[in-house]
N, C-alpha and C. Protein backbone atom coordinates (compact mmCIF):
# COMPACT_ATOMS: atom_id res chain seq x y z
N MET A 1 -32.91 -3.96 -0.05
CA MET A 1 -32.03 -2.90 -0.52
C MET A 1 -31.15 -2.40 0.63
N MET A 2 -29.91 -2.21 0.30
CA MET A 2 -28.97 -1.71 1.30
C MET A 2 -27.97 -0.81 0.60
N GLU A 3 -27.27 -0.03 1.42
CA GLU A 3 -26.23 0.83 0.81
C GLU A 3 -25.09 -0.04 0.31
N LEU A 4 -24.31 0.53 -0.57
CA LEU A 4 -23.17 -0.18 -1.15
C LEU A 4 -22.29 -0.70 -0.03
N SER A 5 -21.94 -1.97 -0.08
CA SER A 5 -21.20 -2.59 1.03
C SER A 5 -19.85 -1.92 1.25
N GLU A 6 -19.40 -2.00 2.49
CA GLU A 6 -18.12 -1.40 2.88
C GLU A 6 -16.96 -2.03 2.10
N LYS A 7 -17.02 -3.33 1.88
CA LYS A 7 -15.96 -4.02 1.13
C LYS A 7 -15.90 -3.49 -0.30
N ARG A 8 -17.04 -3.38 -0.95
CA ARG A 8 -17.06 -2.87 -2.32
C ARG A 8 -16.63 -1.42 -2.38
N ARG A 9 -17.09 -0.63 -1.42
CA ARG A 9 -16.67 0.78 -1.38
C ARG A 9 -15.16 0.88 -1.24
N SER A 10 -14.58 0.09 -0.35
CA SER A 10 -13.13 0.11 -0.14
C SER A 10 -12.40 -0.30 -1.40
N LEU A 11 -12.87 -1.34 -2.07
CA LEU A 11 -12.21 -1.81 -3.29
C LEU A 11 -12.35 -0.81 -4.44
N LEU A 12 -13.45 -0.06 -4.46
CA LEU A 12 -13.57 0.99 -5.47
C LEU A 12 -12.51 2.07 -5.24
N VAL A 13 -12.32 2.44 -3.98
CA VAL A 13 -11.30 3.45 -3.66
C VAL A 13 -9.91 2.91 -3.98
N VAL A 14 -9.62 1.67 -3.60
CA VAL A 14 -8.31 1.08 -3.90
C VAL A 14 -8.04 1.08 -5.40
N ASN A 15 -9.03 0.66 -6.19
CA ASN A 15 -8.86 0.65 -7.64
C ASN A 15 -8.75 2.06 -8.20
N GLY A 16 -9.48 3.00 -7.62
CA GLY A 16 -9.38 4.40 -8.05
C GLY A 16 -7.98 4.96 -7.83
N VAL A 17 -7.41 4.66 -6.68
CA VAL A 17 -6.05 5.11 -6.40
C VAL A 17 -5.07 4.40 -7.34
N GLY A 18 -5.31 3.13 -7.63
CA GLY A 18 -4.49 2.41 -8.59
C GLY A 18 -4.53 3.04 -9.97
N LEU A 19 -5.71 3.48 -10.39
CA LEU A 19 -5.84 4.16 -11.67
C LEU A 19 -5.10 5.49 -11.68
N ILE A 20 -5.16 6.21 -10.58
CA ILE A 20 -4.41 7.47 -10.51
C ILE A 20 -2.91 7.18 -10.52
N LEU A 21 -2.49 6.09 -9.88
CA LEU A 21 -1.09 5.68 -9.96
C LEU A 21 -0.69 5.37 -11.41
N SER A 22 -1.56 4.71 -12.16
CA SER A 22 -1.27 4.45 -13.58
C SER A 22 -1.17 5.77 -14.35
N SER A 23 -1.93 6.76 -13.93
CA SER A 23 -1.86 8.08 -14.55
C SER A 23 -0.52 8.74 -14.28
N ILE A 24 -0.01 8.56 -13.08
CA ILE A 24 1.32 9.10 -12.75
C ILE A 24 2.36 8.43 -13.64
N PHE A 25 2.26 7.12 -13.79
CA PHE A 25 3.17 6.37 -14.67
C PHE A 25 3.11 6.91 -16.10
N ALA A 26 1.89 7.05 -16.63
CA ALA A 26 1.73 7.60 -17.99
C ALA A 26 2.23 9.05 -18.04
N GLY A 27 2.03 9.79 -16.97
CA GLY A 27 2.48 11.18 -16.92
C GLY A 27 3.98 11.31 -17.02
N TRP A 28 4.71 10.37 -16.41
CA TRP A 28 6.17 10.40 -16.53
C TRP A 28 6.60 10.19 -17.98
N PHE A 29 5.94 9.25 -18.66
CA PHE A 29 6.28 9.02 -20.07
C PHE A 29 5.86 10.22 -20.92
N TYR A 30 4.75 10.83 -20.59
CA TYR A 30 4.29 12.05 -21.28
C TYR A 30 5.35 13.15 -21.13
N PHE A 31 5.82 13.32 -19.91
CA PHE A 31 6.84 14.31 -19.59
C PHE A 31 8.11 14.06 -20.41
N MET A 32 8.55 12.79 -20.44
CA MET A 32 9.76 12.45 -21.20
C MET A 32 9.53 12.59 -22.70
N PHE A 33 8.31 12.29 -23.17
CA PHE A 33 7.97 12.48 -24.57
C PHE A 33 8.10 13.96 -24.94
N LEU A 34 7.55 14.83 -24.11
CA LEU A 34 7.59 16.27 -24.40
C LEU A 34 9.02 16.81 -24.40
N LEU A 35 9.83 16.34 -23.45
CA LEU A 35 11.22 16.81 -23.37
C LEU A 35 12.14 16.14 -24.37
N GLY A 36 11.78 14.92 -24.79
CA GLY A 36 12.68 14.15 -25.64
C GLY A 36 13.89 13.66 -24.86
N ALA A 37 13.79 13.68 -23.54
CA ALA A 37 14.92 13.30 -22.69
C ALA A 37 14.41 12.91 -21.31
N PHE A 38 15.28 12.23 -20.59
CA PHE A 38 15.05 11.95 -19.17
C PHE A 38 15.82 13.03 -18.41
N ASP A 39 15.09 13.86 -17.66
CA ASP A 39 15.72 15.01 -17.04
C ASP A 39 15.12 15.23 -15.65
N LEU A 40 15.91 14.94 -14.62
CA LEU A 40 15.51 15.18 -13.24
C LEU A 40 16.56 16.07 -12.57
N TRP A 41 16.66 17.28 -13.06
CA TRP A 41 17.64 18.23 -12.54
C TRP A 41 17.48 18.38 -11.04
N PRO A 42 18.48 18.41 -10.26
CA PRO A 42 19.91 18.45 -10.55
C PRO A 42 20.56 17.07 -10.55
N PHE A 43 19.76 16.00 -10.37
CA PHE A 43 20.33 14.66 -10.23
C PHE A 43 20.74 14.05 -11.57
N VAL A 44 19.83 14.09 -12.52
CA VAL A 44 20.06 13.52 -13.85
C VAL A 44 19.62 14.59 -14.84
N THR A 45 20.45 14.85 -15.83
CA THR A 45 20.06 15.89 -16.80
C THR A 45 20.28 15.43 -18.23
N ASP A 46 19.29 15.72 -19.03
CA ASP A 46 19.35 15.59 -20.49
C ASP A 46 19.90 14.28 -21.02
N ILE A 47 19.36 13.16 -20.55
CA ILE A 47 19.69 11.88 -21.16
C ILE A 47 18.69 11.70 -22.31
N PRO A 48 19.15 11.72 -23.56
CA PRO A 48 18.24 11.63 -24.70
C PRO A 48 17.38 10.37 -24.63
N LEU A 49 16.12 10.53 -24.96
CA LEU A 49 15.17 9.42 -24.88
C LEU A 49 14.14 9.62 -25.97
N ASP A 50 13.89 8.58 -26.74
CA ASP A 50 12.91 8.66 -27.81
C ASP A 50 11.67 7.88 -27.38
N VAL A 51 10.69 8.59 -26.83
CA VAL A 51 9.43 7.98 -26.41
C VAL A 51 8.48 8.03 -27.60
N PRO A 52 7.92 6.89 -28.00
CA PRO A 52 7.01 6.89 -29.16
C PRO A 52 5.69 7.57 -28.83
N GLY A 53 4.90 7.82 -29.85
CA GLY A 53 3.56 8.36 -29.66
C GLY A 53 3.44 9.80 -30.11
N ASP A 54 2.32 10.39 -29.76
CA ASP A 54 2.10 11.80 -30.05
C ASP A 54 1.48 12.47 -28.83
N ARG A 55 1.48 13.77 -28.85
CA ARG A 55 1.03 14.57 -27.70
C ARG A 55 -0.41 14.24 -27.30
N ARG A 56 -1.29 14.13 -28.27
CA ARG A 56 -2.70 13.82 -28.00
C ARG A 56 -2.83 12.49 -27.28
N ALA A 57 -2.09 11.48 -27.77
CA ALA A 57 -2.19 10.14 -27.19
C ALA A 57 -1.68 10.12 -25.75
N TRP A 58 -0.54 10.78 -25.49
CA TRP A 58 -0.01 10.79 -24.12
C TRP A 58 -0.90 11.60 -23.19
N ASN A 59 -1.48 12.68 -23.69
CA ASN A 59 -2.41 13.45 -22.87
C ASN A 59 -3.62 12.59 -22.50
N MET A 60 -4.14 11.86 -23.47
CA MET A 60 -5.28 10.98 -23.23
C MET A 60 -4.92 9.88 -22.23
N ALA A 61 -3.75 9.27 -22.41
CA ALA A 61 -3.31 8.20 -21.50
C ALA A 61 -3.21 8.73 -20.07
N HIS A 62 -2.68 9.93 -19.92
CA HIS A 62 -2.53 10.54 -18.60
C HIS A 62 -3.88 10.89 -17.98
N MET A 63 -4.77 11.47 -18.77
CA MET A 63 -6.05 11.94 -18.24
C MET A 63 -7.05 10.81 -17.97
N GLU A 64 -6.98 9.70 -18.72
CA GLU A 64 -7.90 8.58 -18.47
C GLU A 64 -7.75 8.05 -17.05
N GLY A 65 -6.51 7.88 -16.59
CA GLY A 65 -6.29 7.38 -15.23
C GLY A 65 -6.81 8.34 -14.18
N ILE A 66 -6.62 9.63 -14.40
CA ILE A 66 -7.11 10.63 -13.46
C ILE A 66 -8.63 10.63 -13.43
N THR A 67 -9.24 10.67 -14.60
CA THR A 67 -10.70 10.73 -14.69
C THR A 67 -11.36 9.49 -14.12
N ASN A 68 -10.92 8.32 -14.56
CA ASN A 68 -11.55 7.09 -14.10
C ASN A 68 -11.22 6.80 -12.64
N GLY A 69 -10.00 7.11 -12.22
CA GLY A 69 -9.65 6.94 -10.81
C GLY A 69 -10.51 7.80 -9.90
N THR A 70 -10.70 9.05 -10.30
CA THR A 70 -11.54 9.95 -9.52
C THR A 70 -12.98 9.45 -9.48
N MET A 71 -13.47 8.92 -10.60
CA MET A 71 -14.83 8.38 -10.64
C MET A 71 -14.99 7.21 -9.66
N LEU A 72 -14.02 6.30 -9.64
CA LEU A 72 -14.11 5.16 -8.73
C LEU A 72 -14.03 5.60 -7.28
N ILE A 73 -13.14 6.54 -6.98
CA ILE A 73 -13.03 7.05 -5.61
C ILE A 73 -14.34 7.73 -5.21
N ALA A 74 -14.91 8.51 -6.11
CA ALA A 74 -16.18 9.20 -5.82
C ALA A 74 -17.31 8.20 -5.56
N LEU A 75 -17.40 7.16 -6.38
CA LEU A 75 -18.45 6.16 -6.15
C LEU A 75 -18.22 5.42 -4.84
N GLY A 76 -16.96 5.13 -4.52
CA GLY A 76 -16.67 4.50 -3.23
C GLY A 76 -17.06 5.39 -2.07
N ALA A 77 -16.72 6.68 -2.17
CA ALA A 77 -17.04 7.63 -1.10
C ALA A 77 -18.53 7.87 -0.98
N ALA A 78 -19.24 7.81 -2.10
CA ALA A 78 -20.68 8.07 -2.10
C ALA A 78 -21.50 6.80 -1.90
N GLY A 79 -20.82 5.69 -1.67
CA GLY A 79 -21.50 4.40 -1.58
C GLY A 79 -22.61 4.33 -0.55
N SER A 80 -22.53 5.10 0.52
CA SER A 80 -23.60 5.07 1.52
C SER A 80 -24.86 5.79 1.03
N TYR A 81 -24.76 6.46 -0.13
CA TYR A 81 -25.92 7.13 -0.72
C TYR A 81 -26.47 6.36 -1.92
N ILE A 82 -26.00 5.13 -2.09
CA ILE A 82 -26.45 4.29 -3.20
C ILE A 82 -27.07 3.03 -2.60
N ARG A 83 -28.39 2.87 -2.78
CA ARG A 83 -29.11 1.72 -2.22
C ARG A 83 -29.49 0.77 -3.35
N LEU A 84 -28.91 -0.41 -3.28
CA LEU A 84 -29.18 -1.43 -4.29
C LEU A 84 -29.19 -2.80 -3.62
N GLY A 85 -29.84 -3.75 -4.26
CA GLY A 85 -29.77 -5.13 -3.80
C GLY A 85 -28.37 -5.68 -4.04
N ASP A 86 -28.09 -6.84 -3.47
CA ASP A 86 -26.75 -7.41 -3.57
C ASP A 86 -26.34 -7.67 -5.02
N ARG A 87 -27.22 -8.20 -5.83
CA ARG A 87 -26.89 -8.47 -7.23
C ARG A 87 -26.61 -7.18 -7.99
N ALA A 88 -27.42 -6.17 -7.79
CA ALA A 88 -27.20 -4.88 -8.46
C ALA A 88 -25.91 -4.23 -7.97
N GLN A 89 -25.58 -4.40 -6.69
CA GLN A 89 -24.30 -3.89 -6.18
C GLN A 89 -23.13 -4.57 -6.89
N ALA A 90 -23.24 -5.88 -7.07
CA ALA A 90 -22.18 -6.62 -7.75
C ALA A 90 -22.03 -6.14 -9.20
N VAL A 91 -23.15 -5.93 -9.87
CA VAL A 91 -23.11 -5.43 -11.25
C VAL A 91 -22.47 -4.04 -11.28
N LEU A 92 -22.89 -3.15 -10.38
CA LEU A 92 -22.31 -1.81 -10.32
C LEU A 92 -20.80 -1.89 -10.06
N PHE A 93 -20.40 -2.70 -9.10
CA PHE A 93 -18.99 -2.82 -8.76
C PHE A 93 -18.17 -3.31 -9.95
N TRP A 94 -18.56 -4.42 -10.55
CA TRP A 94 -17.75 -5.02 -11.62
C TRP A 94 -17.78 -4.20 -12.90
N THR A 95 -18.90 -3.59 -13.23
CA THR A 95 -18.91 -2.75 -14.44
C THR A 95 -18.07 -1.50 -14.24
N THR A 96 -18.04 -0.98 -13.03
CA THR A 96 -17.23 0.20 -12.74
C THR A 96 -15.74 -0.13 -12.81
N ILE A 97 -15.36 -1.24 -12.20
CA ILE A 97 -13.96 -1.67 -12.27
C ILE A 97 -13.57 -1.91 -13.73
N THR A 98 -14.47 -2.53 -14.48
CA THR A 98 -14.21 -2.84 -15.90
C THR A 98 -13.98 -1.58 -16.70
N PHE A 99 -14.90 -0.62 -16.62
CA PHE A 99 -14.70 0.57 -17.45
C PHE A 99 -13.53 1.41 -16.97
N GLY A 100 -13.28 1.44 -15.66
CA GLY A 100 -12.15 2.21 -15.15
C GLY A 100 -10.83 1.74 -15.75
N TRP A 101 -10.57 0.45 -15.64
CA TRP A 101 -9.30 -0.09 -16.12
C TRP A 101 -9.26 -0.23 -17.64
N LEU A 102 -10.38 -0.61 -18.25
CA LEU A 102 -10.36 -0.86 -19.70
C LEU A 102 -10.56 0.40 -20.55
N PHE A 103 -10.76 1.54 -19.93
CA PHE A 103 -10.59 2.81 -20.64
C PHE A 103 -9.16 3.32 -20.45
N THR A 104 -8.57 3.05 -19.29
CA THR A 104 -7.26 3.61 -18.95
C THR A 104 -6.10 2.84 -19.59
N LEU A 105 -6.04 1.54 -19.38
CA LEU A 105 -4.90 0.77 -19.89
C LEU A 105 -4.79 0.79 -21.42
N PRO A 106 -5.90 0.64 -22.16
CA PRO A 106 -5.78 0.75 -23.62
C PRO A 106 -5.33 2.15 -24.07
N ALA A 107 -5.71 3.19 -23.35
CA ALA A 107 -5.24 4.54 -23.71
C ALA A 107 -3.72 4.63 -23.58
N ILE A 108 -3.19 4.00 -22.55
CA ILE A 108 -1.73 3.96 -22.39
C ILE A 108 -1.12 3.14 -23.53
N GLY A 109 -1.76 2.01 -23.86
CA GLY A 109 -1.30 1.20 -24.99
C GLY A 109 -1.32 1.97 -26.30
N ASN A 110 -2.36 2.73 -26.52
CA ASN A 110 -2.43 3.55 -27.75
C ASN A 110 -1.26 4.53 -27.83
N ALA A 111 -0.91 5.13 -26.70
CA ALA A 111 0.21 6.08 -26.70
C ALA A 111 1.53 5.38 -27.00
N ILE A 112 1.73 4.22 -26.38
CA ILE A 112 2.99 3.49 -26.56
C ILE A 112 3.11 2.95 -27.99
N PHE A 113 2.02 2.35 -28.51
CA PHE A 113 2.09 1.67 -29.80
C PHE A 113 1.67 2.54 -30.99
N GLU A 114 1.35 3.81 -30.72
CA GLU A 114 0.98 4.77 -31.76
C GLU A 114 -0.23 4.30 -32.58
N THR A 115 -1.23 3.83 -31.86
CA THR A 115 -2.50 3.43 -32.46
C THR A 115 -3.60 4.30 -31.90
N ARG A 116 -4.82 4.07 -32.35
CA ARG A 116 -5.97 4.80 -31.79
C ARG A 116 -6.99 3.87 -31.16
N GLY A 117 -7.16 2.68 -31.71
CA GLY A 117 -8.13 1.74 -31.15
C GLY A 117 -9.57 2.17 -31.30
N LEU A 118 -9.84 3.07 -32.24
CA LEU A 118 -11.20 3.60 -32.40
C LEU A 118 -12.03 2.83 -33.42
N GLU A 119 -11.38 2.10 -34.30
CA GLU A 119 -12.09 1.39 -35.36
C GLU A 119 -11.37 0.09 -35.65
N PHE A 120 -12.14 -0.99 -35.80
CA PHE A 120 -11.53 -2.27 -36.15
C PHE A 120 -10.89 -2.14 -37.52
N GLY A 121 -9.65 -2.57 -37.63
CA GLY A 121 -8.91 -2.43 -38.87
C GLY A 121 -8.09 -1.16 -38.92
N GLY A 122 -8.19 -0.33 -37.90
CA GLY A 122 -7.38 0.89 -37.82
C GLY A 122 -8.02 2.13 -38.39
N GLY A 123 -8.91 1.95 -39.39
CA GLY A 123 -9.53 3.12 -40.02
C GLY A 123 -8.49 4.01 -40.65
N PRO A 124 -8.69 5.30 -40.59
CA PRO A 124 -7.74 6.22 -41.24
C PRO A 124 -6.48 6.49 -40.41
N PHE A 125 -6.32 5.79 -39.28
CA PHE A 125 -5.23 6.09 -38.37
C PHE A 125 -4.04 5.17 -38.61
N PRO A 126 -2.82 5.67 -38.40
CA PRO A 126 -1.63 4.84 -38.57
C PRO A 126 -1.45 3.89 -37.38
N GLY A 127 -0.46 3.04 -37.48
CA GLY A 127 -0.13 2.13 -36.38
C GLY A 127 -0.38 0.70 -36.76
N ASP A 128 0.15 -0.21 -35.95
CA ASP A 128 0.01 -1.64 -36.18
C ASP A 128 -1.45 -2.05 -36.07
N VAL A 129 -1.98 -2.65 -37.13
CA VAL A 129 -3.41 -2.99 -37.18
C VAL A 129 -3.77 -4.05 -36.14
N THR A 130 -2.90 -5.03 -35.92
CA THR A 130 -3.20 -6.07 -34.94
C THR A 130 -3.31 -5.49 -33.53
N ILE A 131 -2.36 -4.66 -33.15
CA ILE A 131 -2.41 -4.02 -31.83
C ILE A 131 -3.63 -3.11 -31.74
N ASN A 132 -3.91 -2.35 -32.80
CA ASN A 132 -5.09 -1.49 -32.84
C ASN A 132 -6.35 -2.32 -32.60
N ASN A 133 -6.47 -3.46 -33.26
CA ASN A 133 -7.67 -4.29 -33.13
C ASN A 133 -7.82 -4.86 -31.73
N ILE A 134 -6.71 -5.25 -31.11
CA ILE A 134 -6.76 -5.75 -29.73
C ILE A 134 -7.26 -4.64 -28.80
N ILE A 135 -6.70 -3.45 -28.96
CA ILE A 135 -7.11 -2.31 -28.12
C ILE A 135 -8.58 -1.97 -28.39
N PHE A 136 -8.99 -2.01 -29.66
CA PHE A 136 -10.39 -1.75 -30.02
C PHE A 136 -11.32 -2.74 -29.30
N LEU A 137 -10.98 -4.01 -29.32
CA LEU A 137 -11.83 -5.03 -28.70
C LEU A 137 -11.91 -4.87 -27.18
N PHE A 138 -10.83 -4.39 -26.55
CA PHE A 138 -10.86 -4.12 -25.11
C PHE A 138 -11.77 -2.94 -24.79
N GLY A 139 -12.09 -2.13 -25.79
CA GLY A 139 -12.97 -0.99 -25.56
C GLY A 139 -14.43 -1.39 -25.39
N TRP A 140 -14.84 -2.52 -25.94
CA TRP A 140 -16.25 -2.91 -25.85
C TRP A 140 -16.73 -3.19 -24.44
N PRO A 141 -16.00 -3.96 -23.63
CA PRO A 141 -16.46 -4.14 -22.25
C PRO A 141 -16.50 -2.81 -21.48
N ALA A 142 -15.54 -1.93 -21.75
CA ALA A 142 -15.54 -0.62 -21.09
C ALA A 142 -16.75 0.20 -21.51
N PHE A 143 -17.03 0.19 -22.81
CA PHE A 143 -18.18 0.91 -23.35
C PHE A 143 -19.49 0.41 -22.73
N ALA A 144 -19.64 -0.91 -22.69
CA ALA A 144 -20.85 -1.49 -22.09
C ALA A 144 -20.89 -1.18 -20.58
N GLY A 145 -19.74 -1.33 -19.92
CA GLY A 145 -19.69 -1.12 -18.47
C GLY A 145 -20.11 0.27 -18.04
N VAL A 146 -19.62 1.29 -18.72
CA VAL A 146 -19.96 2.66 -18.33
C VAL A 146 -21.44 2.95 -18.57
N HIS A 147 -22.02 2.33 -19.62
CA HIS A 147 -23.44 2.56 -19.91
C HIS A 147 -24.37 1.76 -19.00
N ILE A 148 -23.82 0.84 -18.26
CA ILE A 148 -24.59 0.12 -17.24
C ILE A 148 -24.36 0.75 -15.87
N ALA A 149 -23.10 1.01 -15.53
CA ALA A 149 -22.73 1.46 -14.18
C ALA A 149 -23.32 2.82 -13.82
N ILE A 150 -23.19 3.78 -14.70
CA ILE A 150 -23.62 5.14 -14.34
C ILE A 150 -25.14 5.22 -14.15
N PRO A 151 -25.97 4.68 -15.06
CA PRO A 151 -27.41 4.69 -14.78
C PRO A 151 -27.78 3.88 -13.52
N LEU A 152 -27.04 2.78 -13.28
CA LEU A 152 -27.31 1.99 -12.09
C LEU A 152 -26.96 2.77 -10.82
N ALA A 153 -25.86 3.51 -10.84
CA ALA A 153 -25.49 4.35 -9.70
C ALA A 153 -26.55 5.44 -9.48
N LEU A 154 -27.03 6.01 -10.57
CA LEU A 154 -28.10 7.02 -10.47
C LEU A 154 -29.36 6.40 -9.87
N TRP A 155 -29.71 5.21 -10.32
CA TRP A 155 -30.89 4.51 -9.79
C TRP A 155 -30.71 4.25 -8.29
N GLY A 156 -29.51 3.79 -7.89
CA GLY A 156 -29.25 3.54 -6.48
C GLY A 156 -29.31 4.80 -5.64
N ALA A 157 -28.80 5.90 -6.18
CA ALA A 157 -28.87 7.19 -5.47
C ALA A 157 -30.32 7.64 -5.34
N TRP A 158 -31.11 7.44 -6.38
CA TRP A 158 -32.54 7.78 -6.34
C TRP A 158 -33.26 6.93 -5.30
N LYS A 159 -32.95 5.64 -5.25
CA LYS A 159 -33.57 4.75 -4.26
C LYS A 159 -33.19 5.20 -2.84
N HIS A 160 -31.97 5.66 -2.65
CA HIS A 160 -31.57 6.17 -1.33
C HIS A 160 -32.38 7.42 -0.99
N TYR A 161 -32.52 8.32 -1.95
CA TYR A 161 -33.29 9.53 -1.72
C TYR A 161 -34.73 9.17 -1.32
N LYS A 162 -35.34 8.25 -2.04
CA LYS A 162 -36.72 7.86 -1.73
C LYS A 162 -36.82 7.22 -0.35
N HIS A 163 -35.78 6.45 0.03
CA HIS A 163 -35.73 5.83 1.36
C HIS A 163 -35.66 6.90 2.45
N VAL A 164 -34.81 7.90 2.25
CA VAL A 164 -34.66 8.98 3.23
C VAL A 164 -35.94 9.81 3.29
N LYS A 165 -36.51 10.11 2.13
CA LYS A 165 -37.75 10.90 2.06
C LYS A 165 -38.89 10.21 2.80
N ALA A 166 -38.92 8.87 2.70
CA ALA A 166 -39.98 8.11 3.36
C ALA A 166 -39.72 7.97 4.86
N GLY A 167 -38.59 8.47 5.32
CA GLY A 167 -38.29 8.43 6.75
C GLY A 167 -37.58 7.16 7.18
N GLY A 168 -37.07 6.41 6.19
CA GLY A 168 -36.41 5.12 6.51
C GLY A 168 -35.04 5.35 6.87
């Protein structure tokens, strides 16, 4: 057992910052959606723009990148407090990257394509059923990843605590 490797910790932080960057991108579209225009006063003002979607979807798209990016940065920063074997580290790393990006990018897709991706076939929600189904299917690896990564991170943190308590 060893602490989360420096390479994996660094890549978690890089991906976390990338997710926050995607949030900034979604935030710009959210901003333009709310204004109904592209407006960067005093340089550019009131260029009409019709951004598709709804307020809930753009808010979700914006917040997913912030939430998941912060989670990846936190796990990278806390990596020296997570003790796992090499295989468990690899599982933690890849499941975390998977849920981070596959919760964030489909949320942006839902905002753009006016879908929800919550139910195969679209359920009671409007939007293109094919795009909805693709987004829905991308949710499964994210769903599985978060339910593996977070308990595994907790287990690794517990193992670190036990190691420190034992004087190691």
